[in-house]
């Protein structure tokens, strides 16, 4: 597996196909992107995030360049903290170690930069499978916010997690 830059023309339709329903979409992006996923909207939001925080959209791809995962990564050099956002894996590959491999690649790459002391992410408490995956990678919970994200009649809490440089193997 490898990480490469997200190519909208090549990758958008594939990523869109991974999101099967509105709730999964909200769980993935916390309402930051329109539902159903729209290419123009996605690119607009990603562009604004790149300008504001330096987010880099990445694809996890097989050796034959088949997209199997997506995420965004940025580094805040002032606090020496990387940030992961919008982590998603092709449903056909879930439960097969793809997320762990993808996260390992991005964590290893991030920690190659001496300025990166830790990497943070936020996951909804109502997404225990994702939280378990992050814990498997060495992320630990630093704070859970009281439920504040509204999805229809549900209210979801956010779990902030980090992995420190010295934990990375």
N, C-alpha and C. Protein backbone atom coordinates (compact mmCIF):
# COMPACT_ATOMS: atom_id res chain seq x y z
N UNK A 1 0.85 -1.18 0.00
CA UNK A 1 0.00 0.00 0.00
C UNK A 1 0.89 1.24 0.00
N UNK A 2 0.34 2.30 -0.56
CA UNK A 2 1.04 3.58 -0.62
C UNK A 2 0.05 4.70 -0.38
N UNK A 3 0.59 5.85 -0.02
CA UNK A 3 -0.21 7.08 0.07
C UNK A 3 0.13 7.93 -1.14
N UNK A 4 -0.89 8.54 -1.71
CA UNK A 4 -0.67 9.48 -2.81
C UNK A 4 -1.67 10.62 -2.68
N UNK A 5 -1.41 11.67 -3.39
CA UNK A 5 -2.30 12.83 -3.38
C UNK A 5 -3.64 12.46 -4.02
N UNK A 6 -4.70 12.93 -3.41
CA UNK A 6 -6.05 12.75 -3.92
C UNK A 6 -6.15 13.40 -5.29
N UNK A 7 -6.65 12.66 -6.28
CA UNK A 7 -6.87 13.15 -7.63
C UNK A 7 -8.39 13.15 -7.87
N UNK A 8 -9.03 14.32 -7.83
CA UNK A 8 -10.49 14.37 -7.94
C UNK A 8 -11.04 13.65 -9.17
N UNK A 9 -10.38 13.80 -10.31
CA UNK A 9 -10.88 13.18 -11.53
C UNK A 9 -10.81 11.65 -11.46
N UNK A 10 -9.83 11.16 -10.79
CA UNK A 10 -9.61 9.72 -10.69
C UNK A 10 -10.32 9.10 -9.48
N UNK A 11 -10.43 9.85 -8.37
CA UNK A 11 -10.83 9.26 -7.10
C UNK A 11 -12.21 9.64 -6.59
N UNK A 12 -12.78 10.74 -7.06
CA UNK A 12 -14.03 11.22 -6.46
C UNK A 12 -15.15 10.18 -6.50
N UNK A 13 -15.44 9.63 -7.66
CA UNK A 13 -16.57 8.70 -7.79
C UNK A 13 -16.37 7.47 -6.90
N UNK A 14 -15.14 7.05 -6.76
CA UNK A 14 -14.84 5.89 -5.90
C UNK A 14 -15.18 6.23 -4.45
N UNK A 15 -14.71 7.37 -3.97
CA UNK A 15 -14.99 7.77 -2.58
C UNK A 15 -16.49 7.94 -2.38
N UNK A 16 -17.15 8.58 -3.32
CA UNK A 16 -18.59 8.77 -3.22
C UNK A 16 -19.31 7.44 -3.05
N UNK A 17 -18.83 6.41 -3.74
CA UNK A 17 -19.47 5.09 -3.67
C UNK A 17 -19.30 4.42 -2.31
N UNK A 18 -18.35 4.88 -1.51
CA UNK A 18 -18.11 4.29 -0.19
C UNK A 18 -19.14 4.75 0.84
N UNK A 19 -19.85 5.81 0.53
CA UNK A 19 -20.80 6.41 1.49
C UNK A 19 -22.20 5.98 1.08
N UNK A 20 -22.76 5.04 1.82
CA UNK A 20 -23.99 4.38 1.40
C UNK A 20 -25.28 5.08 1.86
N UNK A 21 -25.17 5.93 2.88
CA UNK A 21 -26.38 6.55 3.40
C UNK A 21 -26.03 7.86 4.11
N UNK A 22 -27.07 8.62 4.42
CA UNK A 22 -26.89 9.95 5.00
C UNK A 22 -26.23 9.90 6.38
N UNK A 23 -26.61 8.92 7.20
CA UNK A 23 -26.02 8.81 8.54
C UNK A 23 -24.52 8.51 8.46
N UNK A 24 -24.14 7.58 7.59
CA UNK A 24 -22.71 7.27 7.41
C UNK A 24 -21.95 8.49 6.91
N UNK A 25 -22.57 9.23 6.03
CA UNK A 25 -21.97 10.46 5.52
C UNK A 25 -21.71 11.45 6.67
N UNK A 26 -22.72 11.64 7.52
CA UNK A 26 -22.58 12.56 8.65
C UNK A 26 -21.52 12.06 9.62
N UNK A 27 -21.48 10.75 9.84
CA UNK A 27 -20.49 10.16 10.74
C UNK A 27 -19.07 10.39 10.20
N UNK A 28 -18.92 10.38 8.87
CA UNK A 28 -17.63 10.56 8.24
C UNK A 28 -17.17 12.02 8.26
N UNK A 29 -18.07 12.94 7.93
CA UNK A 29 -17.61 14.32 7.71
C UNK A 29 -18.24 15.36 8.64
N UNK A 30 -19.07 14.93 9.57
CA UNK A 30 -19.70 15.86 10.52
C UNK A 30 -20.42 17.01 9.81
N UNK A 31 -21.01 16.70 8.67
CA UNK A 31 -21.79 17.71 7.96
C UNK A 31 -20.97 18.74 7.21
N UNK A 32 -19.67 18.54 7.09
CA UNK A 32 -18.84 19.53 6.39
C UNK A 32 -19.03 19.50 4.88
N UNK A 33 -19.45 18.35 4.36
CA UNK A 33 -19.70 18.21 2.92
C UNK A 33 -21.19 17.97 2.71
N UNK A 34 -21.69 18.39 1.56
CA UNK A 34 -23.09 18.16 1.21
C UNK A 34 -23.36 16.67 1.08
N UNK A 35 -24.62 16.31 1.35
CA UNK A 35 -25.07 14.95 1.08
C UNK A 35 -26.19 15.03 0.05
N UNK A 36 -26.15 14.20 -0.98
CA UNK A 36 -25.08 13.26 -1.28
C UNK A 36 -23.79 14.00 -1.67
N UNK A 37 -22.68 13.31 -1.52
CA UNK A 37 -21.39 13.91 -1.79
C UNK A 37 -21.37 14.49 -3.20
N UNK A 38 -20.96 15.73 -3.29
CA UNK A 38 -20.93 16.48 -4.55
C UNK A 38 -19.49 16.91 -4.81
N UNK A 39 -19.00 16.64 -5.99
CA UNK A 39 -17.60 16.91 -6.33
C UNK A 39 -17.23 18.38 -6.17
N UNK A 40 -18.07 19.27 -6.69
CA UNK A 40 -17.77 20.70 -6.60
C UNK A 40 -17.71 21.15 -5.14
N UNK A 41 -18.67 20.71 -4.33
CA UNK A 41 -18.69 21.06 -2.91
C UNK A 41 -17.48 20.48 -2.19
N UNK A 42 -17.17 19.21 -2.44
CA UNK A 42 -16.02 18.58 -1.81
C UNK A 42 -14.74 19.35 -2.11
N UNK A 43 -14.54 19.67 -3.37
CA UNK A 43 -13.33 20.39 -3.77
C UNK A 43 -13.27 21.79 -3.16
N UNK A 44 -14.41 22.45 -3.07
CA UNK A 44 -14.46 23.77 -2.47
C UNK A 44 -14.07 23.72 -0.99
N UNK A 45 -14.66 22.77 -0.26
CA UNK A 45 -14.36 22.63 1.17
C UNK A 45 -12.89 22.24 1.37
N UNK A 46 -12.41 21.28 0.59
CA UNK A 46 -11.00 20.86 0.72
C UNK A 46 -10.05 22.02 0.40
N UNK A 47 -10.39 22.84 -0.58
CA UNK A 47 -9.56 23.99 -0.93
C UNK A 47 -9.51 25.00 0.22
N UNK A 48 -10.66 25.27 0.81
CA UNK A 48 -10.69 26.19 1.96
C UNK A 48 -9.89 25.64 3.13
N UNK A 49 -9.99 24.34 3.36
CA UNK A 49 -9.24 23.74 4.47
C UNK A 49 -7.74 23.77 4.19
N UNK A 50 -7.37 23.57 2.93
CA UNK A 50 -5.95 23.64 2.58
C UNK A 50 -5.42 25.05 2.82
N UNK A 51 -6.18 26.06 2.44
CA UNK A 51 -5.75 27.44 2.64
C UNK A 51 -5.69 27.80 4.12
N UNK A 52 -6.65 27.33 4.90
CA UNK A 52 -6.74 27.69 6.32
C UNK A 52 -5.74 26.92 7.19
N UNK A 53 -5.66 25.60 7.00
CA UNK A 53 -4.85 24.78 7.90
C UNK A 53 -3.82 23.90 7.20
N UNK A 54 -3.75 24.00 5.87
CA UNK A 54 -2.76 23.21 5.14
C UNK A 54 -3.15 21.76 4.93
N UNK A 55 -4.44 21.45 5.08
CA UNK A 55 -4.88 20.07 4.91
C UNK A 55 -4.49 19.53 3.54
N UNK A 56 -3.97 18.31 3.56
CA UNK A 56 -3.60 17.61 2.34
C UNK A 56 -4.48 16.37 2.20
N UNK A 57 -5.33 16.32 1.17
CA UNK A 57 -6.15 15.13 0.97
C UNK A 57 -5.30 14.02 0.36
N UNK A 58 -5.40 12.83 0.96
CA UNK A 58 -4.57 11.70 0.55
C UNK A 58 -5.42 10.47 0.27
N UNK A 59 -4.91 9.66 -0.63
CA UNK A 59 -5.53 8.38 -0.97
C UNK A 59 -4.57 7.28 -0.52
N UNK A 60 -5.12 6.27 0.12
CA UNK A 60 -4.39 5.04 0.35
C UNK A 60 -4.71 4.15 -0.85
N UNK A 61 -3.68 3.70 -1.53
CA UNK A 61 -3.88 2.93 -2.76
C UNK A 61 -3.09 1.63 -2.71
N UNK A 62 -3.64 0.63 -3.35
CA UNK A 62 -2.94 -0.64 -3.49
C UNK A 62 -1.75 -0.44 -4.42
N UNK A 63 -0.92 -1.46 -4.54
CA UNK A 63 0.26 -1.35 -5.40
C UNK A 63 -0.12 -1.11 -6.86
N UNK A 64 -1.32 -1.55 -7.26
CA UNK A 64 -1.77 -1.28 -8.63
C UNK A 64 -2.62 0.00 -8.70
N UNK A 65 -2.50 0.85 -7.67
CA UNK A 65 -3.08 2.19 -7.60
C UNK A 65 -4.60 2.22 -7.43
N UNK A 66 -5.19 1.16 -6.91
CA UNK A 66 -6.62 1.17 -6.63
C UNK A 66 -6.85 1.87 -5.30
N UNK A 67 -7.69 2.91 -5.31
CA UNK A 67 -7.99 3.66 -4.09
C UNK A 67 -8.78 2.76 -3.13
N UNK A 68 -8.29 2.66 -1.88
CA UNK A 68 -8.98 1.86 -0.86
C UNK A 68 -9.23 2.67 0.41
N UNK A 69 -8.70 3.89 0.48
CA UNK A 69 -8.90 4.73 1.64
C UNK A 69 -8.66 6.19 1.31
N UNK A 70 -9.18 7.06 2.17
CA UNK A 70 -9.04 8.51 2.00
C UNK A 70 -8.90 9.13 3.38
N UNK A 71 -8.12 10.19 3.45
CA UNK A 71 -8.01 11.00 4.67
C UNK A 71 -7.37 12.32 4.33
N UNK A 72 -7.48 13.26 5.25
CA UNK A 72 -6.78 14.54 5.14
C UNK A 72 -5.82 14.64 6.31
N UNK A 73 -4.65 15.23 6.04
CA UNK A 73 -3.64 15.44 7.09
C UNK A 73 -3.13 16.86 7.00
N UNK A 74 -2.91 17.46 8.17
CA UNK A 74 -2.28 18.79 8.23
C UNK A 74 -1.39 18.83 9.46
N UNK A 75 -0.47 19.77 9.46
CA UNK A 75 0.42 19.99 10.59
C UNK A 75 0.30 21.43 11.05
N UNK A 76 0.07 21.61 12.35
CA UNK A 76 0.10 22.94 12.94
C UNK A 76 1.50 23.09 13.56
N UNK A 77 2.42 23.79 12.87
CA UNK A 77 3.80 23.88 13.38
C UNK A 77 3.92 24.65 14.69
N UNK A 78 2.97 25.52 14.98
CA UNK A 78 3.03 26.29 16.23
C UNK A 78 2.91 25.39 17.45
N UNK A 79 2.06 24.38 17.36
CA UNK A 79 1.90 23.47 18.51
C UNK A 79 2.50 22.09 18.22
N UNK A 80 3.12 21.94 17.04
CA UNK A 80 3.80 20.70 16.65
C UNK A 80 2.86 19.51 16.64
N UNK A 81 1.63 19.76 16.17
CA UNK A 81 0.61 18.72 16.17
C UNK A 81 0.05 18.51 14.78
N UNK A 82 0.07 17.26 14.35
CA UNK A 82 -0.59 16.87 13.12
C UNK A 82 -2.05 16.61 13.41
N UNK A 83 -2.87 16.68 12.37
CA UNK A 83 -4.32 16.45 12.54
C UNK A 83 -4.80 15.58 11.39
N UNK A 84 -5.52 14.51 11.75
CA UNK A 84 -6.17 13.65 10.76
C UNK A 84 -7.65 13.98 10.71
N UNK A 85 -8.18 13.99 9.50
CA UNK A 85 -9.61 14.27 9.30
C UNK A 85 -10.14 13.39 8.18
N UNK A 86 -11.44 13.15 8.21
CA UNK A 86 -12.16 12.49 7.12
C UNK A 86 -11.60 11.12 6.74
N UNK A 87 -11.24 10.34 7.73
CA UNK A 87 -10.70 9.01 7.48
C UNK A 87 -11.84 8.09 7.05
N UNK A 88 -11.66 7.43 5.91
CA UNK A 88 -12.66 6.48 5.42
C UNK A 88 -11.96 5.40 4.61
N UNK A 89 -12.51 4.20 4.70
CA UNK A 89 -11.99 3.05 3.95
C UNK A 89 -13.12 2.48 3.11
N UNK A 90 -12.78 2.02 1.92
CA UNK A 90 -13.72 1.34 1.05
C UNK A 90 -14.39 0.21 1.83
N UNK A 91 -15.72 0.17 1.88
CA UNK A 91 -16.42 -0.87 2.65
C UNK A 91 -15.99 -2.30 2.29
N UNK A 92 -15.59 -2.53 1.04
CA UNK A 92 -15.13 -3.86 0.63
C UNK A 92 -13.87 -4.29 1.38
N UNK A 93 -13.14 -3.32 1.91
CA UNK A 93 -11.85 -3.61 2.56
C UNK A 93 -11.89 -3.43 4.07
N UNK A 94 -13.04 -3.07 4.62
CA UNK A 94 -13.12 -2.89 6.07
C UNK A 94 -12.98 -4.24 6.76
N UNK A 95 -12.32 -4.20 7.91
CA UNK A 95 -12.10 -5.42 8.67
C UNK A 95 -10.96 -6.27 8.15
N UNK A 96 -10.19 -5.74 7.21
CA UNK A 96 -9.09 -6.49 6.60
C UNK A 96 -7.73 -5.83 6.85
N UNK A 97 -7.69 -4.90 7.79
CA UNK A 97 -6.42 -4.27 8.15
C UNK A 97 -6.02 -3.08 7.29
N UNK A 98 -6.87 -2.69 6.35
CA UNK A 98 -6.54 -1.57 5.46
C UNK A 98 -6.44 -0.26 6.25
N UNK A 99 -7.37 -0.01 7.15
CA UNK A 99 -7.34 1.23 7.93
C UNK A 99 -6.07 1.29 8.76
N UNK A 100 -5.70 0.18 9.39
CA UNK A 100 -4.49 0.15 10.21
C UNK A 100 -3.26 0.42 9.34
N UNK A 101 -3.21 -0.20 8.18
CA UNK A 101 -2.07 0.01 7.28
C UNK A 101 -2.02 1.46 6.78
N UNK A 102 -3.17 2.01 6.42
CA UNK A 102 -3.24 3.40 5.95
C UNK A 102 -2.81 4.35 7.06
N UNK A 103 -3.32 4.14 8.27
CA UNK A 103 -2.94 4.99 9.40
C UNK A 103 -1.46 4.86 9.72
N UNK A 104 -0.94 3.65 9.65
CA UNK A 104 0.49 3.46 9.90
C UNK A 104 1.32 4.27 8.90
N UNK A 105 0.93 4.24 7.65
CA UNK A 105 1.66 5.01 6.63
C UNK A 105 1.64 6.51 6.92
N UNK A 106 0.48 7.04 7.23
CA UNK A 106 0.38 8.48 7.46
C UNK A 106 1.08 8.87 8.77
N UNK A 107 0.98 8.04 9.80
CA UNK A 107 1.66 8.33 11.06
C UNK A 107 3.18 8.30 10.87
N UNK A 108 3.67 7.28 10.18
CA UNK A 108 5.11 7.18 9.92
C UNK A 108 5.60 8.38 9.13
N UNK A 109 4.85 8.75 8.11
CA UNK A 109 5.23 9.92 7.30
C UNK A 109 5.21 11.19 8.13
N UNK A 110 4.18 11.36 8.96
CA UNK A 110 4.08 12.57 9.78
C UNK A 110 5.23 12.66 10.77
N UNK A 111 5.60 11.55 11.39
CA UNK A 111 6.66 11.57 12.39
C UNK A 111 8.06 11.62 11.77
N UNK A 112 8.17 11.49 10.45
CA UNK A 112 9.45 11.74 9.80
C UNK A 112 9.84 13.22 9.93
N UNK A 113 8.83 14.08 10.06
CA UNK A 113 9.05 15.51 10.25
C UNK A 113 9.31 15.73 11.74
N UNK A 114 10.50 16.19 12.06
CA UNK A 114 10.89 16.40 13.46
C UNK A 114 9.98 17.40 14.18
N UNK A 115 9.29 18.24 13.42
CA UNK A 115 8.40 19.22 14.03
C UNK A 115 7.13 18.59 14.59
N UNK A 116 6.83 17.37 14.16
CA UNK A 116 5.60 16.71 14.60
C UNK A 116 5.85 15.95 15.90
N UNK A 117 5.23 16.40 16.96
CA UNK A 117 5.38 15.74 18.26
C UNK A 117 4.20 14.82 18.57
N UNK A 118 3.04 15.13 18.00
CA UNK A 118 1.88 14.27 18.19
C UNK A 118 0.90 14.47 17.05
N UNK A 119 -0.03 13.53 16.93
CA UNK A 119 -1.06 13.59 15.91
C UNK A 119 -2.40 13.44 16.62
N UNK A 120 -3.34 14.28 16.25
CA UNK A 120 -4.66 14.29 16.88
C UNK A 120 -5.74 13.97 15.85
N UNK A 121 -6.86 13.50 16.36
CA UNK A 121 -8.04 13.29 15.53
C UNK A 121 -9.26 13.34 16.43
N UNK A 122 -10.40 13.48 15.83
CA UNK A 122 -11.67 13.47 16.55
C UNK A 122 -12.57 12.43 15.90
N UNK A 123 -13.19 11.62 16.73
CA UNK A 123 -14.11 10.59 16.25
C UNK A 123 -15.39 10.70 17.09
N UNK A 124 -16.51 10.44 16.46
CA UNK A 124 -17.75 10.44 17.23
C UNK A 124 -17.77 9.25 18.17
N UNK A 125 -18.22 9.47 19.39
CA UNK A 125 -18.35 8.39 20.37
C UNK A 125 -19.27 7.29 19.85
N UNK A 126 -20.20 7.64 18.99
CA UNK A 126 -21.15 6.68 18.42
C UNK A 126 -20.55 5.87 17.28
N UNK A 127 -19.25 5.98 17.07
CA UNK A 127 -18.55 5.23 16.04
C UNK A 127 -17.49 4.33 16.70
N UNK A 128 -17.93 3.32 17.47
CA UNK A 128 -16.99 2.51 18.24
C UNK A 128 -15.99 1.73 17.40
N UNK A 129 -16.36 1.34 16.18
CA UNK A 129 -15.43 0.59 15.33
C UNK A 129 -14.23 1.47 14.97
N UNK A 130 -14.48 2.73 14.62
CA UNK A 130 -13.39 3.63 14.28
C UNK A 130 -12.52 3.90 15.51
N UNK A 131 -13.17 4.14 16.64
CA UNK A 131 -12.42 4.41 17.87
C UNK A 131 -11.52 3.23 18.22
N UNK A 132 -12.04 2.02 18.09
CA UNK A 132 -11.25 0.82 18.37
C UNK A 132 -10.05 0.72 17.43
N UNK A 133 -10.24 1.06 16.18
CA UNK A 133 -9.14 1.04 15.20
C UNK A 133 -8.05 2.04 15.61
N UNK A 134 -8.46 3.24 16.00
CA UNK A 134 -7.50 4.26 16.40
C UNK A 134 -6.74 3.82 17.66
N UNK A 135 -7.45 3.21 18.59
CA UNK A 135 -6.79 2.70 19.80
C UNK A 135 -5.78 1.62 19.45
N UNK A 136 -6.12 0.77 18.51
CA UNK A 136 -5.21 -0.28 18.05
C UNK A 136 -3.92 0.32 17.49
N UNK A 137 -4.04 1.50 16.89
CA UNK A 137 -2.87 2.18 16.32
C UNK A 137 -2.05 2.91 17.38
N UNK A 138 -2.55 3.01 18.61
CA UNK A 138 -1.82 3.69 19.68
C UNK A 138 -2.39 5.03 20.07
N UNK A 139 -3.50 5.43 19.46
CA UNK A 139 -4.14 6.67 19.85
C UNK A 139 -4.81 6.46 21.21
N UNK A 140 -4.77 7.48 22.03
CA UNK A 140 -5.46 7.41 23.32
C UNK A 140 -6.40 8.61 23.44
N UNK A 141 -7.47 8.38 24.17
CA UNK A 141 -8.47 9.41 24.35
C UNK A 141 -7.95 10.46 25.32
N UNK A 142 -8.04 11.73 24.92
CA UNK A 142 -7.63 12.79 25.82
C UNK A 142 -8.82 13.57 26.36
N UNK A 143 -9.92 13.52 25.63
CA UNK A 143 -11.09 14.27 26.07
C UNK A 143 -12.30 13.82 25.25
N UNK A 144 -13.40 13.68 25.93
CA UNK A 144 -14.67 13.45 25.25
C UNK A 144 -15.58 14.63 25.54
N UNK A 145 -16.15 15.15 24.50
CA UNK A 145 -17.08 16.27 24.66
C UNK A 145 -18.48 15.73 24.85
N UNK A 146 -19.26 16.46 25.63
CA UNK A 146 -20.65 16.06 25.79
C UNK A 146 -21.32 16.11 24.42
N UNK A 147 -22.33 15.31 24.24
CA UNK A 147 -22.99 15.27 22.93
C UNK A 147 -23.40 16.67 22.46
N UNK A 148 -22.92 17.02 21.27
CA UNK A 148 -23.23 18.36 20.75
C UNK A 148 -23.48 18.38 19.25
N UNK A 149 -23.23 17.27 18.58
CA UNK A 149 -23.46 17.22 17.13
C UNK A 149 -24.83 16.59 16.89
N UNK A 150 -25.67 17.33 16.21
CA UNK A 150 -27.03 16.85 15.94
C UNK A 150 -27.10 16.21 14.55
N UNK A 151 -27.57 14.98 14.55
CA UNK A 151 -27.92 14.31 13.30
C UNK A 151 -29.36 13.83 13.45
N UNK A 152 -30.25 14.48 12.75
CA UNK A 152 -31.69 14.20 12.86
C UNK A 152 -32.09 14.21 14.33
N UNK A 153 -32.61 13.10 14.87
CA UNK A 153 -33.01 13.08 16.28
C UNK A 153 -31.90 12.61 17.21
N UNK A 154 -30.74 12.33 16.67
CA UNK A 154 -29.61 11.85 17.47
C UNK A 154 -28.69 13.01 17.85
N UNK A 155 -28.07 12.87 19.00
CA UNK A 155 -27.03 13.82 19.41
C UNK A 155 -25.77 13.01 19.69
N UNK A 156 -24.68 13.34 19.01
CA UNK A 156 -23.44 12.58 19.11
C UNK A 156 -22.39 13.35 19.88
N UNK A 157 -21.59 12.62 20.66
CA UNK A 157 -20.45 13.20 21.36
C UNK A 157 -19.19 13.02 20.53
N UNK A 158 -18.20 13.83 20.81
CA UNK A 158 -16.92 13.76 20.09
C UNK A 158 -15.84 13.28 21.05
N UNK A 159 -15.01 12.40 20.55
CA UNK A 159 -13.90 11.87 21.33
C UNK A 159 -12.61 12.36 20.67
N UNK A 160 -11.83 13.14 21.41
CA UNK A 160 -10.55 13.64 20.92
C UNK A 160 -9.46 12.64 21.31
N UNK A 161 -8.65 12.26 20.33
CA UNK A 161 -7.62 11.26 20.55
C UNK A 161 -6.29 11.75 20.02
N UNK A 162 -5.20 11.27 20.63
CA UNK A 162 -3.85 11.63 20.17
C UNK A 162 -2.94 10.42 20.23
N UNK A 163 -1.91 10.51 19.41
CA UNK A 163 -0.79 9.58 19.48
C UNK A 163 0.45 10.44 19.57
N UNK A 164 1.28 10.15 20.55
CA UNK A 164 2.51 10.91 20.76
C UNK A 164 3.66 10.28 19.98
N UNK A 165 4.63 11.08 19.59
CA UNK A 165 5.77 10.60 18.84
C UNK A 165 6.44 9.41 19.54
N UNK A 166 6.64 9.48 20.85
CA UNK A 166 7.39 8.43 21.53
C UNK A 166 6.62 7.11 21.62
N UNK A 167 5.33 7.11 21.32
CA UNK A 167 4.55 5.87 21.31
C UNK A 167 4.73 5.14 19.99
N UNK A 168 4.93 5.88 18.92
CA UNK A 168 5.03 5.29 17.58
C UNK A 168 6.18 4.31 17.52
N UNK A 169 5.90 3.13 17.00
CA UNK A 169 6.95 2.11 16.87
C UNK A 169 7.56 2.12 15.49
